[in-house]
PDB file of N, CA and C in Angstrom:
ATOM      1  N   UNK A   1       0.325 -13.732  -4.340  1.00  0.00           N
ATOM      2  CA  UNK A   1      -0.207 -15.144  -4.629  1.00  0.00           C
ATOM      3  C   UNK A   1      -1.923 -15.257  -4.676  1.00  0.00           C
ATOM      4  N   UNK A   2      -1.650 -16.316  -5.192  1.00  0.00           N
ATOM      5  CA  UNK A   2      -2.929 -16.577  -6.268  1.00  0.00           C
ATOM      6  C   UNK A   2      -4.102 -17.060  -5.303  1.00  0.00           C
ATOM      7  N   UNK A   3      -5.329 -16.632  -5.167  1.00  0.00           N
ATOM      8  CA  UNK A   3      -6.483 -17.233  -4.784  1.00  0.00           C
ATOM      9  C   UNK A   3      -6.294 -19.200  -4.350  1.00  0.00           C
ATOM     10  N   UNK A   4      -6.255 -19.170  -5.556  1.00  0.00           N
ATOM     11  CA  UNK A   4      -5.922 -20.793  -4.839  1.00  0.00           C
ATOM     12  C   UNK A   4      -5.493 -20.873  -3.461  1.00  0.00           C
ATOM     13  N   UNK A   5      -4.121 -20.548  -2.988  1.00  0.00           N
ATOM     14  CA  UNK A   5      -3.732 -21.212  -1.701  1.00  0.00           C
ATOM     15  C   UNK A   5      -4.377 -20.089  -0.698  1.00  0.00           C
ATOM     16  N   UNK A   6      -5.587 -19.354  -0.909  1.00  0.00           N
ATOM     17  CA  UNK A   6      -5.184 -18.441   0.548  1.00  0.00           C
ATOM     18  C   UNK A   6      -6.362 -19.106   1.522  1.00  0.00           C
ATOM     19  N   UNK A   7      -6.532 -19.993   0.584  1.00  0.00           N
ATOM     20  CA  UNK A   7      -6.908 -21.227   2.248  1.00  0.00           C
ATOM     21  C   UNK A   7      -6.858 -21.520   2.668  1.00  0.00           C
ATOM     22  N   UNK A   8      -5.921 -21.957   2.615  1.00  0.00           N
ATOM     23  CA  UNK A   8      -4.160 -22.820   3.293  1.00  0.00           C
ATOM     24  C   UNK A   8      -3.887 -21.661   4.170  1.00  0.00           C
ATOM     25  N   UNK A   9      -4.760 -21.306   5.582  1.00  0.00           N
ATOM     26  CA  UNK A   9      -4.212 -20.492   6.311  1.00  0.00           C
ATOM     27  C   UNK A   9      -2.346 -21.488   7.358  1.00  0.00           C
ATOM     28  N   UNK A  10      -2.606 -21.653   7.582  1.00  0.00           N
ATOM     29  CA  UNK A  10      -1.536 -22.507   7.947  1.00  0.00           C
ATOM     30  C   UNK A  10       0.013 -22.285   7.525  1.00  0.00           C
ATOM     31  N   UNK A  11      -0.080 -22.497   6.232  1.00  0.00           N
ATOM     32  CA  UNK A  11       1.335 -21.908   5.343  1.00  0.00           C
ATOM     33  C   UNK A  11       1.513 -21.542   4.869  1.00  0.00           C
ATOM     34  N   UNK A  12       2.542 -20.709   4.907  1.00  0.00           N
ATOM     35  CA  UNK A  12       2.900 -19.500   3.521  1.00  0.00           C
ATOM     36  C   UNK A  12       2.875 -19.821   2.665  1.00  0.00           C
ATOM     37  N   UNK A  13       2.528 -19.243   1.147  1.00  0.00           N
ATOM     38  CA  UNK A  13       2.401 -19.560  -0.087  1.00  0.00           C
ATOM     39  C   UNK A  13       3.710 -18.423  -0.390  1.00  0.00           C
ATOM     40  N   UNK A  14       4.424 -18.510  -1.654  1.00  0.00           N
ATOM     41  CA  UNK A  14       4.862 -17.061  -2.010  1.00  0.00           C
ATOM     42  C   UNK A  14       5.518 -18.093  -3.466  1.00  0.00           C
ATOM     43  N   UNK A  15       6.549 -17.188  -4.301  1.00  0.00           N
ATOM     44  CA  UNK A  15       6.265 -17.563  -5.793  1.00  0.00           C
ATOM     45  C   UNK A  15       7.688 -16.724  -5.523  1.00  0.00           C
ATOM     46  N   UNK A  16       9.119 -17.154  -5.312  1.00  0.00           N
ATOM     47  CA  UNK A  16      10.578 -16.490  -5.257  1.00  0.00           C
ATOM     48  C   UNK A  16      11.475 -16.851  -6.504  1.00  0.00           C
ATOM     49  N   UNK A  17      10.780 -17.592  -7.879  1.00  0.00           N
ATOM     50  CA  UNK A  17      11.096 -17.523  -9.183  1.00  0.00           C
ATOM     51  C   UNK A  17       9.859 -17.735  -9.900  1.00  0.00           C
ATOM     52  N   UNK A  18      10.239 -17.385 -11.205  1.00  0.00           N
ATOM     53  CA  UNK A  18       9.018 -17.344 -11.882  1.00  0.00           C
ATOM     54  C   UNK A  18       8.715 -19.408 -12.403  1.00  0.00           C
ATOM     55  N   UNK A  19       7.625 -19.776 -12.049  1.00  0.00           N
ATOM     56  CA  UNK A  19       7.561 -21.167 -11.935  1.00  0.00           C
ATOM     57  C   UNK A  19       7.270 -21.638 -11.003  1.00  0.00           C
ATOM     58  N   UNK A  20       7.645 -21.023 -10.169  1.00  0.00           N
ATOM     59  CA  UNK A  20       8.449 -21.886  -8.737  1.00  0.00           C
ATOM     60  C   UNK A  20       7.451 -21.773  -7.547  1.00  0.00           C
ATOM     61  N   UNK A  21       7.148 -22.402  -6.759  1.00  0.00           N
ATOM     62  CA  UNK A  21       5.709 -22.278  -5.621  1.00  0.00           C
ATOM     63  C   UNK A  21       6.589 -22.318  -4.135  1.00  0.00           C
ATOM     64  N   UNK A  22       6.620 -21.293  -3.451  1.00  0.00           N
ATOM     65  CA  UNK A  22       7.767 -21.971  -2.249  1.00  0.00           C
ATOM     66  C   UNK A  22       6.427 -21.443  -0.837  1.00  0.00           C
ATOM     67  N   UNK A  23       6.452 -23.148  -0.316  1.00  0.00           N
ATOM     68  CA  UNK A  23       5.502 -23.306   1.545  1.00  0.00           C
ATOM     69  C   UNK A  23       6.178 -23.279   1.840  1.00  0.00           C
ATOM     70  N   UNK A  24       6.266 -22.456   3.261  1.00  0.00           N
ATOM     71  CA  UNK A  24       6.705 -21.879   4.566  1.00  0.00           C
ATOM     72  C   UNK A  24       6.086 -22.512   5.206  1.00  0.00           C
ATOM     73  N   UNK A  25       6.450 -23.228   6.365  1.00  0.00           N
ATOM     74  CA  UNK A  25       5.867 -24.003   7.819  1.00  0.00           C
ATOM     75  C   UNK A  25       6.380 -22.216   8.723  1.00  0.00           C
ATOM     76  N   UNK A  26       5.037 -21.692   9.097  1.00  0.00           N
ATOM     77  CA  UNK A  26       5.404 -20.467  10.005  1.00  0.00           C
ATOM     78  C   UNK A  26       4.736 -20.510  11.460  1.00  0.00           C
ATOM     79  N   UNK A  27       5.396 -21.330  11.987  1.00  0.00           N
ATOM     80  CA  UNK A  27       5.402 -21.876  13.318  1.00  0.00           C
ATOM     81  C   UNK A  27       6.618 -21.698  14.056  1.00  0.00           C
ATOM     82  N   UNK A  28       7.648 -20.902  13.948  1.00  0.00           N
ATOM     83  CA  UNK A  28       9.194 -20.594  14.502  1.00  0.00           C
ATOM     84  C   UNK A  28       8.892 -20.530  15.688  1.00  0.00           C
ATOM     85  N   UNK A  29       7.912 -20.364  16.363  1.00  0.00           N
ATOM     86  CA  UNK A  29       8.167 -20.624  18.027  1.00  0.00           C
ATOM     87  C   UNK A  29       7.695 -21.972  18.318  1.00  0.00           C
ATOM     88  N   UNK A  30       7.081 -22.921  17.892  1.00  0.00           N
ATOM     89  CA  UNK A  30       6.643 -24.192  18.280  1.00  0.00           C
ATOM     90  C   UNK A  30       8.010 -24.911  16.831  1.00  0.00           C
ATOM     91  N   UNK A  31       9.502 -24.583  16.637  1.00  0.00           N
ATOM     92  CA  UNK A  31       9.755 -25.349  15.532  1.00  0.00           C
ATOM     93  C   UNK A  31       9.457 -25.850  14.491  1.00  0.00           C
ATOM     94  N   UNK A  32       8.387 -25.098  14.172  1.00  0.00           N
ATOM     95  CA  UNK A  32       7.118 -24.908  12.999  1.00  0.00           C
ATOM     96  C   UNK A  32       6.406 -26.685  13.443  1.00  0.00           C
ATOM     97  N   UNK A  33       6.115 -27.253  14.399  1.00  0.00           N
ATOM     98  CA  UNK A  33       5.136 -28.270  14.553  1.00  0.00           C
ATOM     99  C   UNK A  33       4.370 -28.795  14.399  1.00  0.00           C
ATOM    100  N   UNK A  34       3.683 -29.647  13.547  1.00  0.00           N
ATOM    101  CA  UNK A  34       2.301 -29.494  12.348  1.00  0.00           C
ATOM    102  C   UNK A  34       1.306 -29.851  13.526  1.00  0.00           C
ATOM    103  N   UNK A  35      -0.299 -29.572  13.430  1.00  0.00           N
ATOM    104  CA  UNK A  35      -0.886 -29.933  14.420  1.00  0.00           C
ATOM    105  C   UNK A  35      -2.123 -30.235  13.557  1.00  0.00           C
ATOM    106  N   UNK A  36      -2.433 -30.940  14.435  1.00  0.00           N
ATOM    107  CA  UNK A  36      -3.978 -31.565  12.963  1.00  0.00           C
ATOM    108  C   UNK A  36      -4.525 -30.838  12.127  1.00  0.00           C
ATOM    109  N   UNK A  37      -4.837 -29.528  12.054  1.00  0.00           N
ATOM    110  CA  UNK A  37      -5.174 -28.094  11.433  1.00  0.00           C
ATOM    111  C   UNK A  37      -4.559 -28.388  10.123  1.00  0.00           C
ATOM    112  N   UNK A  38      -3.125 -27.984  10.533  1.00  0.00           N
ATOM    113  CA  UNK A  38      -1.768 -28.419   8.854  1.00  0.00           C
ATOM    114  C   UNK A  38      -1.989 -29.150   9.059  1.00  0.00           C
ATOM    115  N   UNK A  39      -1.787 -30.392   9.323  1.00  0.00           N
ATOM    116  CA  UNK A  39      -1.295 -31.649   8.499  1.00  0.00           C
ATOM    117  C   UNK A  39      -2.138 -31.761   7.536  1.00  0.00           C
ATOM    118  N   UNK A  40      -3.903 -31.759   8.498  1.00  0.00           N
ATOM    119  CA  UNK A  40      -4.328 -31.505   6.622  1.00  0.00           C
ATOM    120  C   UNK A  40      -4.509 -31.170   5.876  1.00  0.00           C
ATOM    121  N   UNK A  41      -4.081 -29.587   5.771  1.00  0.00           N
ATOM    122  CA  UNK A  41      -3.799 -28.379   4.932  1.00  0.00           C
ATOM    123  C   UNK A  41      -2.691 -29.171   4.364  1.00  0.00           C
ATOM    124  N   UNK A  42      -1.636 -29.390   4.652  1.00  0.00           N
ATOM    125  CA  UNK A  42      -0.222 -29.864   4.099  1.00  0.00           C
ATOM    126  C   UNK A  42      -0.875 -31.030   3.325  1.00  0.00           C
ATOM    127  N   UNK A  43      -1.711 -32.376   3.610  1.00  0.00           N
ATOM    128  CA  UNK A  43      -2.283 -32.738   2.618  1.00  0.00           C
ATOM    129  C   UNK A  43      -2.601 -32.462   1.597  1.00  0.00           C
ATOM    130  N   UNK A  44      -4.474 -32.011   1.456  1.00  0.00           N
ATOM    131  CA  UNK A  44      -4.864 -31.022   0.752  1.00  0.00           C
ATOM    132  C   UNK A  44      -3.958 -30.334  -0.517  1.00  0.00           C
ATOM    133  N   UNK A  45      -3.577 -29.475  -0.220  1.00  0.00           N
ATOM    134  CA  UNK A  45      -2.695 -28.239  -1.040  1.00  0.00           C
ATOM    135  C   UNK A  45      -2.290 -29.102  -2.272  1.00  0.00           C
ATOM    136  N   UNK A  46      -1.560 -30.351  -2.175  1.00  0.00           N
ATOM    137  CA  UNK A  46      -0.912 -31.057  -3.012  1.00  0.00           C
ATOM    138  C   UNK A  46      -1.620 -31.270  -4.107  1.00  0.00           C
ATOM    139  N   UNK A  47      -3.224 -31.991  -3.733  1.00  0.00           N
ATOM    140  CA  UNK A  47      -3.902 -31.286  -5.176  1.00  0.00           C
ATOM    141  C   UNK A  47      -4.189 -30.545  -6.046  1.00  0.00           C
ATOM    142  N   UNK A  48      -4.282 -29.524  -5.726  1.00  0.00           N
ATOM    143  CA  UNK A  48      -4.035 -28.081  -5.680  1.00  0.00           C
ATOM    144  C   UNK A  48      -2.929 -28.160  -6.745  1.00  0.00           C
ATOM    145  N   UNK A  49      -1.356 -28.010  -5.866  1.00  0.00           N
ATOM    146  CA  UNK A  49      -0.462 -28.158  -6.745  1.00  0.00           C
ATOM    147  C   UNK A  49      -0.301 -27.996  -7.695  1.00  0.00           C
ATOM    148  N   UNK A  50      -0.993 -29.522  -7.814  1.00  0.00           N
ATOM    149  CA  UNK A  50      -0.598 -30.586  -8.768  1.00  0.00           C
ATOM    150  C   UNK A  50      -1.490 -29.574 -10.473  1.00  0.00           C
ATOM    151  N   UNK A  51      -2.893 -29.680  -9.861  1.00  0.00           N
ATOM    152  CA  UNK A  51      -4.261 -28.694 -10.766  1.00  0.00           C
ATOM    153  C   UNK A  51      -3.575 -27.327 -11.075  1.00  0.00           C
ATOM    154  N   UNK A  52      -2.036 -26.687 -10.718  1.00  0.00           N
ATOM    155  CA  UNK A  52      -1.605 -25.118 -10.927  1.00  0.00           C
ATOM    156  C   UNK A  52      -0.640 -25.456 -11.873  1.00  0.00           C
ATOM    157  N   UNK A  53      -1.454 -24.520 -13.236  1.00  0.00           N
ATOM    158  CA  UNK A  53      -0.024 -25.373 -14.441  1.00  0.00           C
ATOM    159  C   UNK A  53       0.860 -23.830 -14.552  1.00  0.00           C
ATOM    160  N   UNK A  54       1.062 -23.383 -13.435  1.00  0.00           N
ATOM    161  CA  UNK A  54       1.942 -22.488 -13.577  1.00  0.00           C
ATOM    162  C   UNK A  54       3.056 -22.403 -12.715  1.00  0.00           C
ATOM    163  N   UNK A  55       2.963 -23.841 -11.907  1.00  0.00           N
ATOM    164  CA  UNK A  55       3.926 -24.651 -10.920  1.00  0.00           C
ATOM    165  C   UNK A  55       4.641 -25.763 -11.796  1.00  0.00           C
ATOM    166  N   UNK A  56       5.794 -25.405 -11.870  1.00  0.00           N
ATOM    167  CA  UNK A  56       7.008 -26.605 -12.132  1.00  0.00           C
ATOM    168  C   UNK A  56       7.299 -26.984 -10.953  1.00  0.00           C
ATOM    169  N   UNK A  57       8.049 -26.214  -9.792  1.00  0.00           N
ATOM    170  CA  UNK A  57       9.021 -27.111  -8.725  1.00  0.00           C
ATOM    171  C   UNK A  57       8.447 -26.222  -7.539  1.00  0.00           C
ATOM    172  N   UNK A  58       8.262 -26.632  -6.262  1.00  0.00           N
ATOM    173  CA  UNK A  58       7.898 -26.664  -5.325  1.00  0.00           C
ATOM    174  C   UNK A  58       8.708 -26.775  -4.075  1.00  0.00           C
ATOM    175  N   UNK A  59       9.068 -25.504  -3.271  1.00  0.00           N
ATOM    176  CA  UNK A  59      10.039 -26.258  -2.564  1.00  0.00           C
ATOM    177  C   UNK A  59       9.236 -25.778  -0.527  1.00  0.00           C
ATOM    178  N   UNK A  60      10.322 -26.903  -0.138  1.00  0.00           N
ATOM    179  CA  UNK A  60       9.209 -26.731   1.889  1.00  0.00           C
ATOM    180  C   UNK A  60      10.304 -26.239   2.479  1.00  0.00           C
ATOM    181  N   UNK A  61      10.095 -25.346   2.774  1.00  0.00           N
ATOM    182  CA  UNK A  61      11.054 -24.920   4.152  1.00  0.00           C
ATOM    183  C   UNK A  61      10.113 -24.919   5.765  1.00  0.00           C
ATOM    184  N   UNK A  62      11.054 -24.047   6.612  1.00  0.00           N
ATOM    185  CA  UNK A  62      10.527 -23.704   7.671  1.00  0.00           C
ATOM    186  C   UNK A  62      11.264 -22.496   8.049  1.00  0.00           C
ATOM    187  N   UNK A  63      10.052 -21.807   8.647  1.00  0.00           N
ATOM    188  CA  UNK A  63      10.745 -20.026   8.929  1.00  0.00           C
ATOM    189  C   UNK A  63      11.787 -20.608  10.348  1.00  0.00           C
ATOM    190  N   UNK A  64      12.566 -19.626  10.415  1.00  0.00           N
ATOM    191  CA  UNK A  64      12.786 -19.795  12.350  1.00  0.00           C
ATOM    192  C   UNK A  64      14.401 -20.683  11.685  1.00  0.00           C
ATOM    193  N   UNK A  65      14.559 -21.352  12.854  1.00  0.00           N
ATOM    194  CA  UNK A  65      15.712 -22.878  13.272  1.00  0.00           C
ATOM    195  C   UNK A  65      15.342 -24.192  12.404  1.00  0.00           C
ATOM    196  N   UNK A  66      13.599 -24.025  12.435  1.00  0.00           N
ATOM    197  CA  UNK A  66      13.632 -25.510  12.095  1.00  0.00           C
ATOM    198  C   UNK A  66      13.271 -25.874  10.845  1.00  0.00           C
ATOM    199  N   UNK A  67      13.242 -27.030  10.513  1.00  0.00           N
ATOM    200  CA  UNK A  67      12.353 -26.840   9.158  1.00  0.00           C
ATOM    201  C   UNK A  67      10.972 -27.296   9.657  1.00  0.00           C
ATOM    202  N   UNK A  68      10.850 -28.307  10.113  1.00  0.00           N
ATOM    203  CA  UNK A  68       9.674 -29.262  11.032  1.00  0.00           C
ATOM    204  C   UNK A  68      10.097 -30.015  12.226  1.00  0.00           C
ATOM    205  N   UNK A  69       9.620 -29.776  13.445  1.00  0.00           N
ATOM    206  CA  UNK A  69       9.407 -30.863  14.474  1.00  0.00           C
ATOM    207  C   UNK A  69       9.078 -32.052  14.893  1.00  0.00           C
ATOM    208  N   UNK A  70       7.675 -32.121  12.981  1.00  0.00           N
ATOM    209  CA  UNK A  70       6.671 -33.272  13.375  1.00  0.00           C
ATOM    210  C   UNK A  70       5.365 -32.638  14.277  1.00  0.00           C
ATOM    211  N   UNK A  71       5.060 -33.492  14.274  1.00  0.00           N
ATOM    212  CA  UNK A  71       3.304 -33.488  14.574  1.00  0.00           C
ATOM    213  C   UNK A  71       3.364 -32.744  16.720  1.00  0.00           C
ATOM    214  N   UNK A  72       2.984 -31.779  17.279  1.00  0.00           N
ATOM    215  CA  UNK A  72       2.730 -31.539  18.066  1.00  0.00           C
ATOM    216  C   UNK A  72       2.356 -32.080  19.037  1.00  0.00           C
ATOM    217  N   UNK A  73       2.342 -31.466  20.118  1.00  0.00           N
ATOM    218  CA  UNK A  73       1.918 -32.345  21.450  1.00  0.00           C
ATOM    219  C   UNK A  73       0.075 -32.739  21.077  1.00  0.00           C
ATOM    220  N   UNK A  74      -0.756 -31.921  20.930  1.00  0.00           N
ATOM    221  CA  UNK A  74      -2.167 -31.582  19.979  1.00  0.00           C
ATOM    222  C   UNK A  74      -2.798 -32.489  19.962  1.00  0.00           C
ATOM    223  N   UNK A  75      -1.762 -32.815  18.293  1.00  0.00           N
ATOM    224  CA  UNK A  75      -1.628 -33.152  17.173  1.00  0.00           C
ATOM    225  C   UNK A  75      -1.615 -35.475  17.858  1.00  0.00           C
ATOM    226  N   UNK A  76      -0.545 -35.426  18.813  1.00  0.00           N
ATOM    227  CA  UNK A  76      -0.258 -36.921  19.121  1.00  0.00           C
ATOM    228  C   UNK A  76      -0.972 -36.887  20.598  1.00  0.00           C
ATOM    229  N   UNK A  77      -1.889 -35.698  21.276  1.00  0.00           N
ATOM    230  CA  UNK A  77      -2.442 -36.471  22.331  1.00  0.00           C
ATOM    231  C   UNK A  77      -4.261 -36.962  22.135  1.00  0.00           C
ATOM    232  N   UNK A  78      -4.685 -36.292  20.269  1.00  0.00           N
ATOM    233  CA  UNK A  78      -5.873 -36.235  19.941  1.00  0.00           C
ATOM    234  C   UNK A  78      -5.721 -37.556  19.043  1.00  0.00           C
ATOM    235  N   UNK A  79      -4.815 -38.918  19.086  1.00  0.00           N
ATOM    236  CA  UNK A  79      -4.539 -39.980  18.423  1.00  0.00           C
ATOM    237  C   UNK A  79      -5.001 -40.959  19.736  1.00  0.00           C
ATOM    238  N   UNK A  80      -4.357 -40.725  20.968  1.00  0.00           N
ATOM    239  CA  UNK A  80      -4.681 -41.659  22.542  1.00  0.00           C
ATOM    240  C   UNK A  80      -6.022 -41.875  22.379  1.00  0.00           C
ATOM    241  N   UNK A  81      -6.107 -43.332  22.178  1.00  0.00           N
ATOM    242  CA  UNK A  81      -6.964 -44.413  22.014  1.00  0.00           C
ATOM    243  C   UNK A  81      -8.326 -43.788  21.733  1.00  0.00           C
ATOM    244  N   UNK A  82      -7.736 -42.570  20.165  1.00  0.00           N
ATOM    245  CA  UNK A  82      -9.204 -42.631  18.904  1.00  0.00           C
ATOM    246  C   UNK A  82      -8.769 -42.796  18.268  1.00  0.00           C
ATOM    247  N   UNK A  83      -9.342 -44.279  18.237  1.00  0.00           N
ATOM    248  CA  UNK A  83      -8.563 -45.108  16.692  1.00  0.00           C
ATOM    249  C   UNK A  83      -9.446 -44.254  15.584  1.00  0.00           C
ATOM    250  N   UNK A  84     -10.600 -43.716  15.445  1.00  0.00           N
ATOM    251  CA  UNK A  84     -11.062 -42.749  14.209  1.00  0.00           C
ATOM    252  C   UNK A  84      -9.812 -42.052  13.556  1.00  0.00           C
ATOM    253  N   UNK A  85      -9.482 -40.996  15.251  1.00  0.00           N
ATOM    254  CA  UNK A  85      -8.395 -40.302  14.674  1.00  0.00           C
ATOM    255  C   UNK A  85      -7.031 -40.479  14.400  1.00  0.00           C
ATOM    256  N   UNK A  86      -6.715 -41.503  14.347  1.00  0.00           N
ATOM    257  CA  UNK A  86      -5.319 -42.688  14.324  1.00  0.00           C
ATOM    258  C   UNK A  86      -5.038 -42.536  12.769  1.00  0.00           C
ATOM    259  N   UNK A  87      -6.615 -43.309  12.260  1.00  0.00           N
ATOM    260  CA  UNK A  87      -6.817 -43.660  10.680  1.00  0.00           C
ATOM    261  C   UNK A  87      -6.692 -42.824  10.376  1.00  0.00           C
ATOM    262  N   UNK A  88      -7.881 -41.778  10.754  1.00  0.00           N
ATOM    263  CA  UNK A  88      -7.388 -40.046   9.464  1.00  0.00           C
ATOM    264  C   UNK A  88      -6.044 -39.470   9.729  1.00  0.00           C
ATOM    265  N   UNK A  89      -5.177 -39.619  10.696  1.00  0.00           N
ATOM    266  CA  UNK A  89      -4.379 -38.961  10.048  1.00  0.00           C
ATOM    267  C   UNK A  89      -2.831 -39.709   9.604  1.00  0.00           C
ATOM    268  N   UNK A  90      -2.961 -41.211   9.682  1.00  0.00           N
ATOM    269  CA  UNK A  90      -2.447 -42.655   9.139  1.00  0.00           C
ATOM    270  C   UNK A  90      -2.669 -42.400   7.070  1.00  0.00           C
ATOM    271  N   UNK A  91      -4.291 -42.221   7.452  1.00  0.00           N
ATOM    272  CA  UNK A  91      -4.394 -41.676   5.427  1.00  0.00           C
ATOM    273  C   UNK A  91      -3.478 -40.718   5.275  1.00  0.00           C
ATOM    274  N   UNK A  92      -4.340 -39.251   6.056  1.00  0.00           N
ATOM    275  CA  UNK A  92      -3.518 -38.097   5.605  1.00  0.00           C
ATOM    276  C   UNK A  92      -1.940 -38.509   5.136  1.00  0.00           C
ATOM    277  N   UNK A  93      -1.180 -38.963   5.907  1.00  0.00           N
ATOM    278  CA  UNK A  93       0.247 -38.848   6.555  1.00  0.00           C
ATOM    279  C   UNK A  93      -0.144 -40.140   4.979  1.00  0.00           C
ATOM    280  N   UNK A  94      -0.472 -40.730   4.611  1.00  0.00           N
ATOM    281  CA  UNK A  94      -0.482 -41.230   3.117  1.00  0.00           C
ATOM    282  C   UNK A  94      -0.185 -41.006   1.789  1.00  0.00           C
ATOM    283  N   UNK A  95      -1.590 -40.716   2.226  1.00  0.00           N
ATOM    284  CA  UNK A  95      -1.729 -39.161   0.742  1.00  0.00           C
ATOM    285  C   UNK A  95      -1.013 -38.543   0.634  1.00  0.00           C
ATOM    286  N   UNK A  96       0.017 -37.425   1.979  1.00  0.00           N
ATOM    287  CA  UNK A  96       0.535 -36.771   1.888  1.00  0.00           C
ATOM    288  C   UNK A  96       2.595 -37.307   0.952  1.00  0.00           C
ATOM    289  N   UNK A  97       2.445 -38.167   1.864  1.00  0.00           N
ATOM    290  CA  UNK A  97       3.987 -39.041   0.480  1.00  0.00           C
ATOM    291  C   UNK A  97       3.446 -39.417  -0.397  1.00  0.00           C
ATOM    292  N   UNK A  98       2.372 -39.941  -1.311  1.00  0.00           N
ATOM    293  CA  UNK A  98       2.054 -40.141  -2.006  1.00  0.00           C
ATOM    294  C   UNK A  98       2.001 -38.897  -3.373  1.00  0.00           C
ATOM    295  N   UNK A  99       1.336 -38.101  -2.616  1.00  0.00           N
ATOM    296  CA  UNK A  99       0.980 -36.683  -3.324  1.00  0.00           C
ATOM    297  C   UNK A  99       2.405 -36.170  -4.226  1.00  0.00           C
ATOM    298  N   UNK A 100       3.684 -35.916  -2.565  1.00  0.00           N
ATOM    299  CA  UNK A 100       4.529 -34.984  -3.356  1.00  0.00           C
ATOM    300  C   UNK A 100       5.390 -35.192  -3.857  1.00  0.00           C
TER     301      UNK A 100
END
């Protein structure tokens, strides 16, 4: 695996075919729910993927029986009554959708 993706420790990266990057949510015990750190990594990784000249396609999948349950309780709880955390998460979500 390229060192380019080593910093994303909450996700697994591999190459199932030439010029294809597979990203796997790897928390099957929580149905691949997303905590705050994973949410940030998911947002940031698309910038590196876009800059990677060796990648033409990306597959996003989940380990185990689920793709992703969405935000885990710790992510949701961190936003309760915390407008800064809400705005940060919303901005990341906007950037995530835009960059995909």
